Amino acid sequence: MKPSPALNRRRFIATTALAALAAPSVLTAQKSDKQLVIGEGEHRYEVLHNWAQLPDKYTWQTTHNVAVDKEGLLYVIHEGRENLKDHPSIFVFDQQGKFVRAFGNQFQGGGHGLEVVTEGKEQFLYVTGYQQLKNFAKLTLKGEVVWEKRAPMESKLYPANEDTAPKKRWGRDAFMPTNFAFLPDGGFFLADGYGSFRIHRYDKDGNWKFAFGEPGKGDGQFDTSHGICFDNRPGREPSIAVCDRANARLQWFTLEGKHLKTLDGFMLPANLDTHKGVMLVPDLKARITLLGKDDKVITHLGEDPLWREQVLKDGMKLRGSRTGSEWVSGKFLHPHDACFDPAGNIFVAEWVHTGRVTKLRKVS
């Protein structure tokens, strides 16, 4: 029997605590007043790990995804805890990292995907919920709910009541949406990355149209179709790119769901974003990859095999650190999502218990 995404995640956590027994001794965080820059050539970034600051009354609870609006505000969603219904799951920061507002208590315990989308003269926030939530929703940028939806029963992929009274369960017939990809006409694709592994297409009004993909290892098949984006980089035919996470690869598809290309060479690619000719690929195994418009690697940000071994060896300890005193400046633990802002800066959210949002300020 094929293990569920929940089991895969638990195995990944366990592996980080047991693997790489020959790893070097504990690395301590760099403490310096000097500017810390990573990357190379035209893709160099100043690392600002403590850029986003929360008021004392709020706490981070495993950061998941990030998105930027037209005014440069950064939206951050964390998974949260199911028993903290009085605590918001979405935080908003200005361009200096100053806290602006918080909302989204209803996503506690399952907050996951997050995208800001411009529709006419307005902007909206789209959110996915997994675990016990099993939903996706459209919100205003202040947090008011426009609509909320659950499993597309017309796809005939899900059991009865999955759209009305879903149970907290995992499996190929469950609905566990992870991320969105938006088209210029307002339509979107929704990745059911922890459920059926399918990609659903919806029109601009949120009506289901069709689905593509299936569980497996071949082209057009997925093992945790976790991240997704509309790839319209210059010089390419527009397509849908998917992080086939547990298969350690990316795949591209036409807007009708026909497989175009598979690209190997990743470890646990988690999500995608593009800016001009560059594709951004946060990888849960301690690095972030930049691809050129030809899909060749430009650079791996934070790449350090010795540090990755350390993360694998002491993953539970490092991920659960309350102070981050053993994290290394300029390195990452588990990048779960990353996005560009219009200036080409990068924001990174990491899958760690106490949350971590890093700004990579472009300097070249």
Protein backbone atom coordinates (compact mmCIF):
# COMPACT_ATOMS: atom_id res chain seq x y z
CA MET A 1 0.00 0.00 0.00
CA LYS A 2 1.32 3.43 -0.92
CA PRO A 3 2.02 5.61 2.15
CA SER A 4 -0.09 8.73 2.63
CA PRO A 5 1.35 12.26 2.50
CA ALA A 6 0.90 12.41 6.28
CA LEU A 7 3.04 9.31 6.63
CA ASN A 8 5.56 10.69 4.15
CA ARG A 9 5.79 13.88 6.20
CA ARG A 10 6.23 11.92 9.45
CA ARG A 11 8.91 9.82 7.80
CA PHE A 12 10.66 12.95 6.58
CA ILE A 13 10.66 14.37 10.12
CA ALA A 14 11.95 11.08 11.49
CA THR A 15 14.60 10.88 8.79
CA THR A 16 15.91 14.34 9.67
CA ALA A 17 16.52 13.06 13.17
CA LEU A 18 18.28 9.83 12.15
CA ALA A 19 20.07 10.35 8.84
CA ALA A 20 23.61 11.45 8.14
CA LEU A 21 25.13 10.07 11.32
CA ALA A 22 28.57 11.17 10.22
CA ALA A 23 27.58 14.84 10.07
CA PRO A 24 29.91 17.48 11.53
CA SER A 25 29.51 18.94 15.01
CA VAL A 26 26.75 21.44 15.73
CA LEU A 27 27.06 24.66 13.75
CA THR A 28 26.28 27.88 15.57
CA ALA A 29 24.69 31.00 14.14
CA GLN A 30 27.01 33.61 12.69
CA LYS A 31 26.96 36.85 14.64
CA SER A 32 28.28 39.81 12.68
CA ASP A 33 27.34 43.40 11.98
CA LYS A 34 28.65 43.05 8.43
CA GLN A 35 26.31 42.62 5.48
CA LEU A 36 25.71 38.95 4.70
CA VAL A 37 25.29 38.32 0.95
CA ILE A 38 24.56 35.03 -0.83
CA GLY A 39 24.21 34.15 -4.51
CA GLU A 40 26.40 35.06 -7.45
CA GLY A 41 26.64 37.36 -10.47
CA GLU A 42 23.39 39.19 -11.16
CA HIS A 43 21.64 37.18 -8.45
CA ARG A 44 23.15 38.31 -5.16
CA TYR A 45 21.02 38.94 -2.08
CA GLU A 46 21.53 40.43 1.36
CA VAL A 47 20.15 38.01 3.97
CA LEU A 48 17.78 39.51 6.56
CA HIS A 49 16.61 36.60 8.69
CA ASN A 50 14.81 38.62 11.37
CA TRP A 51 13.13 41.02 8.97
CA ALA A 52 9.49 40.40 9.97
CA GLN A 53 8.72 41.27 13.59
CA LEU A 54 5.54 40.27 15.43
CA PRO A 55 3.93 42.10 18.35
CA ASP A 56 4.40 40.25 21.65
CA LYS A 57 0.73 39.24 21.77
CA TYR A 58 1.17 36.98 18.71
CA THR A 59 3.35 33.95 18.07
CA TRP A 60 4.60 32.11 14.98
CA GLN A 61 3.34 28.54 14.65
CA THR A 62 5.10 26.83 11.72
CA THR A 63 5.26 29.26 8.81
CA HIS A 64 4.00 27.92 5.49
CA ASN A 65 3.48 30.40 2.63
CA VAL A 66 4.09 34.02 1.63
CA ALA A 67 2.63 36.46 -0.94
CA VAL A 68 3.13 40.14 -1.83
CA ASP A 69 0.47 42.66 -2.90
CA LYS A 70 0.86 45.60 -5.33
CA GLU A 71 1.67 47.98 -2.48
CA GLY A 72 4.52 45.78 -1.32
CA LEU A 73 2.81 44.37 1.77
CA LEU A 74 3.85 40.83 2.66
CA TYR A 75 1.23 38.27 3.72
CA VAL A 76 2.39 35.25 5.72
CA ILE A 77 0.29 32.22 6.65
CA HIS A 78 1.26 29.70 9.28
CA GLU A 79 -0.23 26.30 9.88
CA GLY A 80 -1.20 27.19 13.42
CA ARG A 81 -2.72 24.85 15.98
CA GLU A 82 -6.27 23.57 15.95
CA ASN A 83 -6.77 24.46 19.63
CA LEU A 84 -5.87 28.15 19.12
CA LYS A 85 -9.04 29.41 17.44
CA ASP A 86 -8.60 32.83 19.07
CA HIS A 87 -5.24 33.41 17.36
CA PRO A 88 -4.88 34.66 13.75
CA SER A 89 -3.17 32.50 11.15
CA ILE A 90 -2.28 35.27 8.66
CA PHE A 91 0.08 38.17 9.40
CA VAL A 92 0.78 41.22 7.23
CA PHE A 93 3.99 43.30 7.18
CA ASP A 94 5.10 46.47 5.39
CA GLN A 95 8.26 46.86 3.31
CA GLN A 96 10.37 47.48 6.43
CA GLY A 97 9.09 44.35 8.16
CA LYS A 98 6.80 46.29 10.49
CA PHE A 99 3.62 44.51 11.54
CA VAL A 100 0.46 45.89 9.89
CA ARG A 101 -2.45 43.59 10.77
CA ALA A 102 -3.51 39.99 11.43
CA PHE A 103 -6.58 37.90 10.64
CA GLY A 104 -7.62 34.40 9.58
CA ASN A 105 -8.37 32.68 12.89
CA GLN A 106 -10.44 30.16 10.93
CA PHE A 107 -7.29 28.75 9.31
CA GLN A 108 -5.69 27.73 12.61
CA GLY A 109 -4.52 24.12 12.46
CA GLY A 110 -4.45 23.88 8.68
CA GLY A 111 -3.34 27.13 7.05
CA HIS A 112 -1.26 26.36 3.97
CA GLY A 113 -1.34 28.05 0.54
CA LEU A 114 -1.51 31.81 0.01
CA GLU A 115 -1.69 34.01 -3.10
CA VAL A 116 -2.54 37.67 -3.77
CA VAL A 117 -4.40 38.19 -7.06
CA THR A 118 -5.45 41.40 -8.85
CA GLU A 119 -8.95 41.28 -10.32
CA GLY A 120 -9.84 44.48 -12.14
CA LYS A 121 -9.11 47.32 -9.73
CA GLU A 122 -9.20 45.13 -6.63
CA GLN A 123 -6.83 42.67 -5.00
CA PHE A 124 -7.86 39.49 -3.22
CA LEU A 125 -6.20 36.88 -1.06
CA TYR A 126 -6.68 33.20 -1.89
CA VAL A 127 -5.99 30.64 0.84
CA THR A 128 -5.88 26.85 1.05
CA GLY A 129 -6.45 24.81 4.20
CA TYR A 130 -5.45 21.21 4.77
CA GLN A 131 -5.49 18.93 7.86
CA GLN A 132 -8.99 19.28 9.37
CA LEU A 133 -9.90 22.31 7.18
CA LYS A 134 -9.82 20.72 3.70
CA ASN A 135 -10.97 23.90 1.97
CA PHE A 136 -9.95 26.89 -0.13
CA ALA A 137 -11.23 30.43 0.11
CA LYS A 138 -11.19 33.90 -1.41
CA LEU A 139 -10.72 36.81 1.00
CA THR A 140 -10.31 40.56 0.82
CA LEU A 141 -6.90 41.86 1.84
CA LYS A 142 -8.42 42.75 5.22
CA GLY A 143 -9.62 39.19 5.77
CA GLU A 144 -13.33 39.34 4.91
CA VAL A 145 -14.51 36.09 3.30
CA VAL A 146 -15.80 36.41 -0.29
CA TRP A 147 -16.40 32.68 -0.71
CA GLU A 148 -15.21 29.34 0.65
CA LYS A 149 -15.22 26.02 -1.20
CA ARG A 150 -14.41 22.40 -0.51
CA ALA A 151 -13.90 19.28 -2.60
CA PRO A 152 -15.15 19.46 -6.23
CA MET A 153 -17.57 16.55 -6.12
CA GLU A 154 -18.28 16.84 -9.85
CA SER A 155 -14.76 15.48 -10.42
CA LYS A 156 -15.97 12.12 -9.00
CA LEU A 157 -12.66 11.73 -7.15
CA TYR A 158 -13.93 12.07 -3.59
CA PRO A 159 -16.28 10.16 -1.27
CA ALA A 160 -19.71 11.36 -0.19
CA ASN A 161 -19.74 14.31 2.22
CA GLU A 162 -16.17 15.35 1.42
CA ASP A 163 -17.58 18.72 0.40
CA THR A 164 -20.03 19.13 3.29
CA ALA A 165 -18.78 17.21 6.33
CA PRO A 166 -15.19 16.17 5.56
CA LYS A 167 -13.39 14.01 8.07
CA LYS A 168 -9.83 14.66 9.16
CA ARG A 169 -8.20 11.87 7.16
CA TRP A 170 -5.55 11.38 4.51
CA GLY A 171 -5.54 9.22 1.39
CA ARG A 172 -5.97 9.26 -2.35
CA ASP A 173 -9.71 9.91 -2.03
CA ALA A 174 -9.27 12.79 0.45
CA PHE A 175 -9.24 16.49 -0.48
CA MET A 176 -6.18 18.30 0.91
CA PRO A 177 -5.46 21.36 -1.30
CA THR A 178 -2.05 22.98 -1.06
CA ASN A 179 -1.50 25.81 -3.59
CA PHE A 180 -2.89 27.87 -6.50
CA ALA A 181 -1.73 29.02 -9.94
CA PHE A 182 -3.66 31.95 -11.47
CA LEU A 183 -4.26 32.68 -15.15
CA PRO A 184 -4.57 36.14 -16.75
CA ASP A 185 -8.32 35.66 -17.27
CA GLY A 186 -8.89 35.09 -13.54
CA GLY A 187 -9.21 31.33 -13.79
CA PHE A 188 -6.94 29.19 -11.66
CA PHE A 189 -5.46 25.78 -11.06
CA LEU A 190 -5.62 24.20 -7.60
CA ALA A 191 -3.15 21.52 -6.50
CA ASP A 192 -4.65 18.79 -4.32
CA GLY A 193 -1.14 18.07 -3.12
CA TYR A 194 -1.87 16.11 0.05
CA GLY A 195 -5.03 14.40 -1.18
CA SER A 196 -5.72 12.95 -4.62
CA PHE A 197 -2.48 14.37 -6.15
CA ARG A 198 -4.62 15.82 -8.96
CA ILE A 199 -4.52 19.35 -10.36
CA HIS A 200 -7.98 20.95 -10.65
CA ARG A 201 -8.82 23.77 -13.05
CA TYR A 202 -11.45 26.39 -12.16
CA ASP A 203 -12.84 29.36 -14.06
CA LYS A 204 -12.71 32.95 -12.78
CA ASP A 205 -15.95 32.47 -10.83
CA GLY A 206 -14.63 29.44 -8.98
CA ASN A 207 -16.49 26.85 -11.05
CA TRP A 208 -14.71 23.51 -11.53
CA LYS A 209 -13.80 22.64 -15.14
CA PHE A 210 -11.57 19.56 -15.17
CA ALA A 211 -8.68 17.79 -13.45
CA PHE A 212 -5.47 16.18 -14.64
CA GLY A 213 -2.71 13.97 -13.26
CA GLU A 214 -2.79 10.89 -11.05
CA PRO A 215 -0.61 9.22 -8.40
CA GLY A 216 2.54 7.58 -9.74
CA LYS A 217 6.14 7.99 -10.86
CA GLY A 218 5.77 8.50 -14.61
CA ASP A 219 5.43 11.66 -16.66
CA GLY A 220 2.10 13.30 -15.89
CA GLN A 221 1.89 11.48 -12.56
CA PHE A 222 2.60 12.86 -9.09
CA ASP A 223 3.73 11.90 -5.62
CA THR A 224 2.65 14.96 -3.60
CA SER A 225 1.82 17.64 -6.18
CA HIS A 226 2.58 20.30 -3.60
CA GLY A 227 3.48 23.55 -5.40
CA ILE A 228 2.24 25.07 -8.65
CA CYS A 229 2.54 28.24 -10.71
CA PHE A 230 1.59 29.79 -14.06
CA ASP A 231 4.88 29.93 -15.97
CA ASN A 232 4.75 32.77 -18.47
CA ARG A 233 8.42 33.72 -18.49
CA PRO A 234 9.49 35.62 -21.64
CA GLY A 235 10.29 33.53 -24.69
CA ARG A 236 8.21 30.54 -23.57
CA GLU A 237 4.73 29.28 -24.26
CA PRO A 238 2.61 29.82 -21.14
CA SER A 239 2.30 26.62 -19.12
CA ILE A 240 1.57 25.23 -15.67
CA ALA A 241 4.59 24.15 -13.62
CA VAL A 242 4.12 21.68 -10.76
CA CYS A 243 6.40 20.71 -7.86
CA ASP A 244 6.18 16.91 -7.84
CA ARG A 245 7.71 16.97 -4.39
CA ALA A 246 8.21 13.36 -3.28
CA ASN A 247 9.31 12.45 -6.83
CA ALA A 248 12.02 15.14 -6.46
CA ARG A 249 11.24 16.90 -9.74
CA LEU A 250 9.31 19.60 -11.57
CA GLN A 251 6.82 18.98 -14.37
CA TRP A 252 5.29 21.34 -16.95
CA PHE A 253 1.86 21.04 -18.59
CA THR A 254 -0.22 22.86 -21.17
CA LEU A 255 -3.22 24.80 -19.90
CA GLU A 256 -5.29 21.79 -20.98
CA GLY A 257 -3.27 19.44 -18.75
CA LYS A 258 -1.06 17.77 -21.38
CA HIS A 259 2.42 16.87 -20.12
CA LEU A 260 5.23 18.91 -21.69
CA LYS A 261 8.42 18.38 -19.72
CA THR A 262 9.95 16.81 -16.62
CA LEU A 263 13.02 18.24 -14.87
CA ASP A 264 14.92 16.19 -12.29
CA GLY A 265 17.73 17.27 -9.99
CA PHE A 266 15.76 18.45 -6.96
CA MET A 267 15.33 16.98 -3.48
CA LEU A 268 11.96 18.05 -2.04
CA PRO A 269 10.81 20.99 -4.21
CA ALA A 270 7.98 22.69 -2.34
CA ASN A 271 6.68 25.64 -4.35
CA LEU A 272 7.32 27.99 -7.29
CA ASP A 273 7.32 31.64 -8.29
CA THR A 274 8.63 33.57 -11.30
CA HIS A 275 10.02 37.05 -11.90
CA LYS A 276 10.98 38.13 -15.41
CA GLY A 277 13.02 35.18 -16.73
CA VAL A 278 13.79 33.53 -13.39
CA MET A 279 11.97 30.71 -11.62
CA LEU A 280 12.28 30.40 -7.84
CA VAL A 281 12.18 26.90 -6.28
CA PRO A 282 12.30 26.60 -2.47
CA ASP A 283 13.40 23.09 -1.55
CA LEU A 284 12.58 21.63 1.87
CA LYS A 285 16.06 20.15 2.06
CA ALA A 286 17.84 23.35 3.04
CA ARG A 287 18.26 25.29 -0.20
CA ILE A 288 16.56 27.55 -2.73
CA THR A 289 17.16 27.14 -6.46
CA LEU A 290 16.99 29.80 -9.18
CA LEU A 291 16.33 28.57 -12.74
CA GLY A 292 16.87 30.61 -15.91
CA LYS A 293 14.33 30.85 -18.71
CA ASP A 294 15.97 27.75 -20.23
CA ASP A 295 15.32 25.92 -16.91
CA LYS A 296 19.03 25.56 -16.24
CA VAL A 297 20.26 26.22 -12.72
CA ILE A 298 21.53 29.77 -12.17
CA THR A 299 22.47 29.20 -8.54
CA HIS A 300 21.48 27.40 -5.36
CA LEU A 301 20.96 29.92 -2.55
CA GLY A 302 22.10 28.68 0.85
CA GLU A 303 23.59 25.52 -0.65
CA ASP A 304 25.92 23.79 1.82
CA PRO A 305 26.19 19.98 1.89
CA LEU A 306 27.70 19.99 5.39
CA TRP A 307 24.88 22.12 6.76
CA ARG A 308 22.31 19.90 5.02
CA GLU A 309 23.86 16.89 6.74
CA GLN A 310 23.55 18.75 10.02
CA VAL A 311 19.89 19.48 9.32
CA LEU A 312 19.28 15.83 8.49
CA LYS A 313 21.05 14.64 11.61
CA ASP A 314 19.49 17.09 14.08
CA GLY A 315 16.33 18.02 12.17
CA MET A 316 13.86 17.66 15.03
CA LYS A 317 16.07 19.65 17.38
CA LEU A 318 16.80 22.41 14.87
CA ARG A 319 13.24 22.65 13.58
CA GLY A 320 11.88 22.90 17.11
CA SER A 321 14.44 25.42 18.38
CA ARG A 322 12.77 28.29 20.21
CA THR A 323 15.75 30.63 19.90
CA GLY A 324 17.32 29.58 16.59
CA SER A 325 20.69 29.79 18.30
CA GLU A 326 22.00 26.81 16.32
CA TRP A 327 20.71 28.00 12.95
CA VAL A 328 23.37 29.31 10.58
CA SER A 329 23.10 32.79 9.09
CA GLY A 330 22.78 32.67 5.33
CA LYS A 331 21.58 29.05 5.41
CA PHE A 332 18.09 27.56 5.44
CA LEU A 333 16.51 24.60 7.22
CA HIS A 334 13.25 23.79 5.43
CA PRO A 335 12.15 26.42 2.86
CA HIS A 336 8.46 25.68 2.34
CA ASP A 337 7.58 28.68 0.16
CA ALA A 338 9.29 31.71 -1.39
CA CYS A 339 8.10 34.56 -3.56
CA PHE A 340 9.47 37.58 -5.43
CA ASP A 341 8.32 41.14 -4.93
CA PRO A 342 8.20 43.53 -7.94
CA ALA A 343 11.77 44.73 -7.22
CA GLY A 344 13.15 41.19 -7.39
CA ASN A 345 13.63 40.75 -3.64
CA ILE A 346 12.78 37.30 -2.31
CA PHE A 347 10.77 36.37 0.80
CA VAL A 348 11.20 32.89 2.29
CA ALA A 349 8.91 31.05 4.73
CA GLU A 350 10.39 27.99 6.44
CA TRP A 351 8.66 24.93 7.86
CA VAL A 352 9.94 25.30 11.43
CA HIS A 353 7.92 25.22 14.66
CA THR A 354 8.61 28.78 15.77
CA GLY A 355 8.32 30.24 12.28
CA ARG A 356 10.96 31.92 10.17
CA VAL A 357 10.46 34.56 7.50
CA THR A 358 13.60 35.78 5.73
CA LYS A 359 13.96 38.65 3.30
CA LEU A 360 16.61 38.29 0.61
CA ARG A 361 17.21 41.86 -0.54
CA LYS A 362 18.50 41.94 -4.12
CA VAL A 363 21.83 43.78 -4.32
CA SER A 364 22.83 42.92 -7.93
